[in-house]
N, C-alpha and C. Protein backbone atom coordinates (compact mmCIF):
# COMPACT_ATOMS: atom_id res chain seq x y z
N MET A 1 17.62 7.87 37.53
CA MET A 1 17.81 7.64 36.11
C MET A 1 17.57 6.18 35.75
N SER A 2 17.95 5.24 36.63
CA SER A 2 17.75 3.84 36.27
C SER A 2 16.27 3.49 36.20
N GLY A 3 15.45 4.21 36.96
CA GLY A 3 14.00 3.99 36.88
C GLY A 3 13.48 4.33 35.49
N LEU A 4 14.01 5.39 34.91
CA LEU A 4 13.61 5.78 33.56
C LEU A 4 14.06 4.73 32.55
N GLY A 5 15.27 4.22 32.72
CA GLY A 5 15.78 3.17 31.84
C GLY A 5 14.96 1.90 31.94
N GLU A 6 14.54 1.56 33.15
CA GLU A 6 13.70 0.37 33.35
C GLU A 6 12.34 0.55 32.69
N ARG A 7 11.77 1.75 32.82
CA ARG A 7 10.47 2.01 32.19
C ARG A 7 10.57 1.94 30.67
N ARG A 8 11.67 2.49 30.13
CA ARG A 8 11.87 2.43 28.68
C ARG A 8 12.03 0.98 28.22
N ALA A 9 12.78 0.20 28.96
CA ALA A 9 12.98 -1.21 28.61
C ALA A 9 11.66 -1.98 28.68
N ALA A 10 10.87 -1.69 29.70
CA ALA A 10 9.57 -2.36 29.82
C ALA A 10 8.65 -1.96 28.67
N LEU A 11 8.65 -0.68 28.33
CA LEU A 11 7.83 -0.22 27.21
C LEU A 11 8.30 -0.85 25.90
N ALA A 12 9.61 -0.94 25.71
CA ALA A 12 10.15 -1.56 24.49
C ALA A 12 9.73 -3.03 24.42
N GLY A 13 9.72 -3.71 25.56
CA GLY A 13 9.26 -5.10 25.58
C GLY A 13 7.80 -5.22 25.22
N GLU A 14 6.99 -4.31 25.74
CA GLU A 14 5.56 -4.31 25.40
C GLU A 14 5.35 -4.05 23.91
N VAL A 15 6.09 -3.09 23.37
CA VAL A 15 5.96 -2.77 21.96
C VAL A 15 6.35 -3.97 21.10
N ALA A 16 7.44 -4.64 21.47
CA ALA A 16 7.90 -5.81 20.70
C ALA A 16 6.86 -6.94 20.75
N LYS A 17 6.35 -7.23 21.93
CA LYS A 17 5.34 -8.29 22.05
C LYS A 17 4.05 -7.90 21.32
N PHE A 18 3.62 -6.67 21.52
CA PHE A 18 2.43 -6.17 20.83
C PHE A 18 2.63 -6.28 19.32
N GLY A 19 3.82 -5.94 18.86
CA GLY A 19 4.12 -6.03 17.43
C GLY A 19 4.07 -7.46 16.92
N ALA A 20 4.63 -8.40 17.68
CA ALA A 20 4.59 -9.81 17.27
C ALA A 20 3.16 -10.33 17.21
N VAL A 21 2.38 -10.01 18.23
CA VAL A 21 0.96 -10.39 18.23
C VAL A 21 0.27 -9.74 17.04
N GLY A 22 0.59 -8.49 16.79
CA GLY A 22 -0.02 -7.77 15.68
C GLY A 22 0.30 -8.37 14.33
N VAL A 23 1.53 -8.86 14.16
CA VAL A 23 1.89 -9.50 12.88
C VAL A 23 1.03 -10.73 12.64
N VAL A 24 0.89 -11.58 13.67
CA VAL A 24 0.07 -12.78 13.51
C VAL A 24 -1.39 -12.39 13.31
N ALA A 25 -1.88 -11.44 14.09
CA ALA A 25 -3.28 -11.00 13.94
C ALA A 25 -3.52 -10.40 12.56
N THR A 26 -2.53 -9.70 12.03
CA THR A 26 -2.65 -9.14 10.69
C THR A 26 -2.78 -10.24 9.65
N LEU A 27 -1.98 -11.29 9.82
CA LEU A 27 -2.08 -12.43 8.89
C LEU A 27 -3.45 -13.09 8.98
N VAL A 28 -3.98 -13.21 10.19
CA VAL A 28 -5.33 -13.76 10.36
C VAL A 28 -6.35 -12.85 9.68
N ASP A 29 -6.23 -11.54 9.90
CA ASP A 29 -7.15 -10.57 9.32
C ASP A 29 -7.09 -10.58 7.80
N ILE A 30 -5.90 -10.43 7.25
CA ILE A 30 -5.75 -10.36 5.80
C ILE A 30 -6.06 -11.71 5.15
N GLY A 31 -5.60 -12.78 5.78
CA GLY A 31 -5.91 -14.11 5.25
C GLY A 31 -7.40 -14.38 5.25
N GLY A 32 -8.06 -14.00 6.35
CA GLY A 32 -9.51 -14.16 6.43
C GLY A 32 -10.22 -13.31 5.40
N PHE A 33 -9.77 -12.07 5.24
CA PHE A 33 -10.36 -11.18 4.24
C PHE A 33 -10.26 -11.79 2.83
N ASN A 34 -9.06 -12.25 2.47
CA ASN A 34 -8.86 -12.81 1.14
C ASN A 34 -9.62 -14.11 0.94
N LEU A 35 -9.62 -14.97 1.93
CA LEU A 35 -10.37 -16.22 1.84
C LEU A 35 -11.86 -15.95 1.65
N LEU A 36 -12.41 -15.09 2.50
CA LEU A 36 -13.84 -14.82 2.43
C LEU A 36 -14.23 -14.07 1.15
N HIS A 37 -13.41 -13.11 0.74
CA HIS A 37 -13.76 -12.32 -0.45
C HIS A 37 -13.48 -13.08 -1.74
N TYR A 38 -12.26 -13.55 -1.91
CA TYR A 38 -11.87 -14.12 -3.20
C TYR A 38 -12.25 -15.59 -3.35
N ALA A 39 -12.24 -16.36 -2.28
CA ALA A 39 -12.58 -17.78 -2.40
C ALA A 39 -14.07 -18.03 -2.19
N LEU A 40 -14.69 -17.27 -1.28
CA LEU A 40 -16.09 -17.55 -0.94
C LEU A 40 -17.06 -16.50 -1.48
N GLY A 41 -16.55 -15.43 -2.09
CA GLY A 41 -17.41 -14.46 -2.75
C GLY A 41 -18.09 -13.44 -1.86
N TRP A 42 -17.65 -13.28 -0.63
CA TRP A 42 -18.22 -12.25 0.24
C TRP A 42 -17.83 -10.87 -0.31
N GLY A 43 -18.64 -9.86 -0.04
CA GLY A 43 -18.30 -8.50 -0.40
C GLY A 43 -17.12 -8.01 0.44
N PRO A 44 -16.34 -7.06 -0.08
CA PRO A 44 -15.17 -6.58 0.66
C PRO A 44 -15.46 -6.07 2.07
N PRO A 45 -16.50 -5.24 2.31
CA PRO A 45 -16.72 -4.79 3.68
C PRO A 45 -17.07 -5.93 4.64
N ALA A 46 -17.91 -6.88 4.21
CA ALA A 46 -18.27 -8.01 5.08
C ALA A 46 -17.06 -8.89 5.36
N ALA A 47 -16.24 -9.12 4.35
CA ALA A 47 -15.03 -9.93 4.54
C ALA A 47 -14.07 -9.23 5.49
N LYS A 48 -14.00 -7.90 5.42
CA LYS A 48 -13.13 -7.13 6.31
C LYS A 48 -13.59 -7.26 7.76
N VAL A 49 -14.89 -7.15 7.99
CA VAL A 49 -15.42 -7.25 9.35
C VAL A 49 -15.15 -8.65 9.92
N ALA A 50 -15.44 -9.70 9.17
CA ALA A 50 -15.25 -11.07 9.65
C ALA A 50 -13.77 -11.36 9.92
N GLY A 51 -12.89 -10.93 9.04
CA GLY A 51 -11.46 -11.13 9.26
C GLY A 51 -10.99 -10.41 10.51
N THR A 52 -11.52 -9.24 10.73
CA THR A 52 -11.13 -8.46 11.91
C THR A 52 -11.63 -9.09 13.20
N VAL A 53 -12.83 -9.65 13.20
CA VAL A 53 -13.36 -10.31 14.40
C VAL A 53 -12.48 -11.50 14.77
N ALA A 54 -12.09 -12.30 13.79
CA ALA A 54 -11.21 -13.45 14.07
C ALA A 54 -9.85 -12.98 14.59
N ALA A 55 -9.29 -11.96 13.96
CA ALA A 55 -8.00 -11.44 14.38
C ALA A 55 -8.08 -10.82 15.77
N THR A 56 -9.18 -10.17 16.08
CA THR A 56 -9.36 -9.53 17.39
C THR A 56 -9.42 -10.56 18.51
N THR A 57 -10.11 -11.64 18.27
CA THR A 57 -10.19 -12.70 19.29
C THR A 57 -8.81 -13.26 19.57
N PHE A 58 -8.05 -13.55 18.53
CA PHE A 58 -6.67 -14.03 18.72
C PHE A 58 -5.85 -12.99 19.48
N ALA A 59 -5.93 -11.72 19.05
CA ALA A 59 -5.11 -10.67 19.65
C ALA A 59 -5.43 -10.46 21.13
N TYR A 60 -6.71 -10.54 21.49
CA TYR A 60 -7.07 -10.38 22.91
C TYR A 60 -6.36 -11.45 23.74
N LEU A 61 -6.51 -12.69 23.32
CA LEU A 61 -5.93 -13.80 24.09
C LEU A 61 -4.41 -13.68 24.17
N ALA A 62 -3.76 -13.37 23.06
CA ALA A 62 -2.30 -13.27 23.05
C ALA A 62 -1.81 -12.07 23.87
N ASN A 63 -2.49 -10.94 23.75
CA ASN A 63 -2.07 -9.77 24.53
C ASN A 63 -2.33 -9.95 26.02
N ARG A 64 -3.46 -10.53 26.39
CA ARG A 64 -3.77 -10.75 27.80
C ARG A 64 -2.79 -11.72 28.43
N HIS A 65 -2.45 -12.78 27.74
CA HIS A 65 -1.64 -13.85 28.35
C HIS A 65 -0.15 -13.77 28.03
N TRP A 66 0.24 -12.82 27.18
CA TRP A 66 1.67 -12.70 26.88
C TRP A 66 2.14 -11.25 26.99
N THR A 67 1.61 -10.36 26.17
CA THR A 67 2.10 -8.98 26.14
C THR A 67 1.94 -8.29 27.50
N TRP A 68 0.73 -8.34 28.05
CA TRP A 68 0.44 -7.66 29.31
C TRP A 68 0.02 -8.64 30.40
N HIS A 69 0.69 -9.79 30.45
CA HIS A 69 0.35 -10.82 31.44
C HIS A 69 0.57 -10.35 32.88
N ASP A 70 1.46 -9.38 33.07
CA ASP A 70 1.81 -8.91 34.41
C ASP A 70 0.95 -7.75 34.89
N ARG A 71 0.03 -7.30 34.08
CA ARG A 71 -0.82 -6.18 34.47
C ARG A 71 -2.02 -6.67 35.27
N ALA A 72 -2.63 -5.73 35.94
CA ALA A 72 -3.80 -6.05 36.77
C ALA A 72 -4.89 -6.69 35.91
N ARG A 73 -5.60 -7.61 36.52
CA ARG A 73 -6.71 -8.26 35.83
C ARG A 73 -7.97 -7.46 36.09
N GLY A 74 -8.64 -7.09 35.01
CA GLY A 74 -9.87 -6.31 35.15
C GLY A 74 -11.11 -7.16 34.98
N GLY A 75 -10.94 -8.46 34.95
CA GLY A 75 -12.05 -9.35 34.70
C GLY A 75 -12.17 -9.60 33.21
N VAL A 76 -12.26 -10.86 32.83
CA VAL A 76 -12.27 -11.23 31.42
C VAL A 76 -13.43 -10.57 30.67
N GLY A 77 -14.59 -10.51 31.26
CA GLY A 77 -15.74 -9.90 30.59
C GLY A 77 -15.52 -8.43 30.29
N ARG A 78 -15.04 -7.71 31.29
CA ARG A 78 -14.76 -6.28 31.12
C ARG A 78 -13.68 -6.05 30.08
N GLU A 79 -12.57 -6.79 30.21
CA GLU A 79 -11.47 -6.63 29.27
C GLU A 79 -11.89 -6.97 27.84
N TYR A 80 -12.56 -8.09 27.69
CA TYR A 80 -12.96 -8.55 26.35
C TYR A 80 -13.93 -7.56 25.69
N LEU A 81 -14.88 -7.07 26.49
CA LEU A 81 -15.83 -6.09 25.96
C LEU A 81 -15.12 -4.81 25.53
N LEU A 82 -14.27 -4.28 26.40
CA LEU A 82 -13.51 -3.08 26.04
C LEU A 82 -12.61 -3.31 24.84
N PHE A 83 -11.95 -4.47 24.82
CA PHE A 83 -11.07 -4.82 23.72
C PHE A 83 -11.84 -4.79 22.40
N PHE A 84 -13.03 -5.40 22.40
CA PHE A 84 -13.83 -5.43 21.18
C PHE A 84 -14.37 -4.05 20.81
N VAL A 85 -14.77 -3.27 21.79
CA VAL A 85 -15.27 -1.92 21.49
C VAL A 85 -14.14 -1.08 20.88
N LEU A 86 -12.97 -1.13 21.48
CA LEU A 86 -11.84 -0.36 20.96
C LEU A 86 -11.42 -0.86 19.59
N ASN A 87 -11.48 -2.17 19.39
CA ASN A 87 -11.18 -2.71 18.07
C ASN A 87 -12.24 -2.33 17.06
N GLY A 88 -13.47 -2.21 17.52
CA GLY A 88 -14.53 -1.74 16.62
C GLY A 88 -14.24 -0.33 16.14
N LEU A 89 -13.76 0.51 17.04
CA LEU A 89 -13.38 1.87 16.64
C LEU A 89 -12.21 1.84 15.67
N ALA A 90 -11.22 0.98 15.94
CA ALA A 90 -10.08 0.87 15.05
C ALA A 90 -10.49 0.25 13.71
N LEU A 91 -11.47 -0.65 13.75
CA LEU A 91 -11.98 -1.27 12.52
C LEU A 91 -12.54 -0.23 11.57
N LEU A 92 -13.10 0.84 12.10
CA LEU A 92 -13.67 1.88 11.25
C LEU A 92 -12.61 2.45 10.28
N ALA A 93 -11.38 2.54 10.73
CA ALA A 93 -10.30 3.03 9.85
C ALA A 93 -10.10 2.07 8.69
N GLY A 94 -10.02 0.77 9.00
CA GLY A 94 -9.84 -0.22 7.94
C GLY A 94 -11.03 -0.30 7.02
N LEU A 95 -12.21 -0.27 7.59
CA LEU A 95 -13.43 -0.34 6.80
C LEU A 95 -13.55 0.88 5.89
N ALA A 96 -13.22 2.04 6.42
CA ALA A 96 -13.29 3.26 5.62
C ALA A 96 -12.31 3.20 4.44
N CYS A 97 -11.11 2.71 4.69
CA CYS A 97 -10.12 2.61 3.61
C CYS A 97 -10.56 1.63 2.53
N VAL A 98 -11.06 0.46 2.93
CA VAL A 98 -11.52 -0.54 1.96
C VAL A 98 -12.73 -0.03 1.20
N ALA A 99 -13.71 0.52 1.91
CA ALA A 99 -14.92 1.01 1.26
C ALA A 99 -14.61 2.18 0.32
N PHE A 100 -13.73 3.09 0.73
CA PHE A 100 -13.35 4.22 -0.12
C PHE A 100 -12.69 3.73 -1.40
N THR A 101 -11.79 2.76 -1.25
CA THR A 101 -11.08 2.23 -2.41
C THR A 101 -12.05 1.55 -3.38
N GLU A 102 -12.96 0.76 -2.83
CA GLU A 102 -13.91 0.03 -3.68
C GLU A 102 -14.98 0.94 -4.26
N ARG A 103 -15.62 1.72 -3.41
CA ARG A 103 -16.81 2.46 -3.83
C ARG A 103 -16.54 3.83 -4.42
N VAL A 104 -15.55 4.53 -3.92
CA VAL A 104 -15.27 5.88 -4.42
C VAL A 104 -14.25 5.83 -5.57
N LEU A 105 -13.16 5.11 -5.34
CA LEU A 105 -12.13 5.03 -6.37
C LEU A 105 -12.47 4.01 -7.46
N GLY A 106 -13.39 3.08 -7.14
CA GLY A 106 -13.78 2.06 -8.10
C GLY A 106 -12.72 1.00 -8.33
N LEU A 107 -11.79 0.87 -7.41
CA LEU A 107 -10.71 -0.12 -7.54
C LEU A 107 -11.11 -1.39 -6.79
N ARG A 108 -11.19 -2.48 -7.51
CA ARG A 108 -11.62 -3.75 -6.90
C ARG A 108 -10.60 -4.86 -7.09
N ASP A 109 -9.44 -4.53 -7.59
CA ASP A 109 -8.42 -5.55 -7.81
C ASP A 109 -7.75 -5.91 -6.48
N PRO A 110 -7.16 -7.11 -6.42
CA PRO A 110 -6.55 -7.57 -5.15
C PRO A 110 -5.49 -6.63 -4.59
N VAL A 111 -4.66 -6.05 -5.43
CA VAL A 111 -3.59 -5.17 -4.93
C VAL A 111 -4.19 -3.92 -4.28
N SER A 112 -5.12 -3.28 -4.96
CA SER A 112 -5.72 -2.05 -4.42
C SER A 112 -6.46 -2.31 -3.11
N LEU A 113 -7.26 -3.37 -3.08
CA LEU A 113 -8.02 -3.66 -1.86
C LEU A 113 -7.10 -4.05 -0.70
N ASN A 114 -6.04 -4.79 -0.98
CA ASN A 114 -5.12 -5.16 0.09
C ASN A 114 -4.30 -3.97 0.57
N LEU A 115 -3.92 -3.07 -0.32
CA LEU A 115 -3.22 -1.86 0.11
C LEU A 115 -4.14 -0.99 0.98
N ALA A 116 -5.40 -0.90 0.60
CA ALA A 116 -6.36 -0.15 1.41
C ALA A 116 -6.53 -0.80 2.78
N ASN A 117 -6.59 -2.12 2.78
CA ASN A 117 -6.72 -2.88 4.03
C ASN A 117 -5.52 -2.62 4.93
N LEU A 118 -4.31 -2.65 4.38
CA LEU A 118 -3.10 -2.41 5.16
C LEU A 118 -3.03 -0.97 5.69
N ALA A 119 -3.42 -0.01 4.88
CA ALA A 119 -3.41 1.39 5.34
C ALA A 119 -4.34 1.57 6.54
N GLY A 120 -5.52 1.00 6.45
CA GLY A 120 -6.46 1.08 7.57
C GLY A 120 -5.95 0.35 8.79
N TYR A 121 -5.30 -0.76 8.56
CA TYR A 121 -4.75 -1.54 9.67
C TYR A 121 -3.67 -0.75 10.40
N ALA A 122 -2.81 -0.07 9.65
CA ALA A 122 -1.75 0.74 10.27
C ALA A 122 -2.33 1.84 11.15
N LEU A 123 -3.34 2.53 10.65
CA LEU A 123 -3.98 3.59 11.45
C LEU A 123 -4.61 3.00 12.71
N GLY A 124 -5.29 1.88 12.55
CA GLY A 124 -5.94 1.24 13.69
C GLY A 124 -4.95 0.73 14.72
N THR A 125 -3.78 0.27 14.28
CA THR A 125 -2.78 -0.28 15.19
C THR A 125 -2.26 0.77 16.16
N LEU A 126 -2.02 1.95 15.67
CA LEU A 126 -1.57 3.03 16.56
C LEU A 126 -2.60 3.30 17.65
N PHE A 127 -3.86 3.35 17.27
CA PHE A 127 -4.94 3.57 18.23
C PHE A 127 -5.04 2.40 19.21
N ARG A 128 -4.91 1.17 18.72
CA ARG A 128 -5.04 -0.02 19.57
C ARG A 128 -4.00 -0.03 20.69
N PHE A 129 -2.73 0.17 20.34
CA PHE A 129 -1.68 0.10 21.36
C PHE A 129 -1.93 1.11 22.46
N TRP A 130 -2.22 2.32 22.09
CA TRP A 130 -2.48 3.37 23.08
C TRP A 130 -3.70 3.03 23.93
N SER A 131 -4.78 2.62 23.30
CA SER A 131 -6.02 2.41 24.05
C SER A 131 -5.98 1.15 24.91
N TYR A 132 -5.31 0.10 24.46
CA TYR A 132 -5.21 -1.11 25.30
C TYR A 132 -4.47 -0.80 26.60
N ARG A 133 -3.35 -0.10 26.49
CA ARG A 133 -2.57 0.24 27.68
C ARG A 133 -3.35 1.16 28.61
N ARG A 134 -4.16 2.01 28.03
CA ARG A 134 -4.87 3.01 28.83
C ARG A 134 -6.11 2.44 29.50
N TRP A 135 -6.89 1.61 28.79
CA TRP A 135 -8.19 1.22 29.31
C TRP A 135 -8.43 -0.28 29.50
N VAL A 136 -7.70 -1.13 28.79
CA VAL A 136 -8.00 -2.57 28.88
C VAL A 136 -7.07 -3.28 29.86
N PHE A 137 -5.78 -3.22 29.61
CA PHE A 137 -4.80 -3.91 30.45
C PHE A 137 -4.19 -2.89 31.38
N LEU A 138 -4.77 -2.76 32.54
CA LEU A 138 -4.44 -1.69 33.47
C LEU A 138 -3.10 -1.92 34.14
N ALA A 139 -2.39 -0.83 34.39
CA ALA A 139 -1.11 -0.91 35.09
C ALA A 139 -1.35 -1.43 36.50
N PRO A 140 -0.39 -2.20 37.03
CA PRO A 140 -0.54 -2.68 38.41
C PRO A 140 -0.67 -1.51 39.37
N ALA A 141 -1.43 -1.72 40.42
CA ALA A 141 -1.66 -0.65 41.40
C ALA A 141 -0.38 -0.29 42.11
């Protein structure tokens, strides 16, 4: 039974660290989106992609060196490539929400676009946590 308790505690620690990294990465993503779109005039989809790339780079480094620092090393190139591919898949949720809000619903105001951005981010976050643990930051042998 104590083994189960230890596994739960370890998982709770991973979730907490992943969540903290995610909060900062979200601020980078949303801040980048707003800066690029509203201050620099980029279109919403392009601003979303650029914000996500910046946030993904931060998240990889923080998750590798803090959240899952004790897991097996799969080589930085392999991990980074997988991390970006999986984030690209998760980005599709955010991009779809932003594009749907702008192009289908015709809503281009800051509140609507940011709510769409957050909805996509939430969907992507669930996928990210599961996929990072499964394929990027491998459990120790």
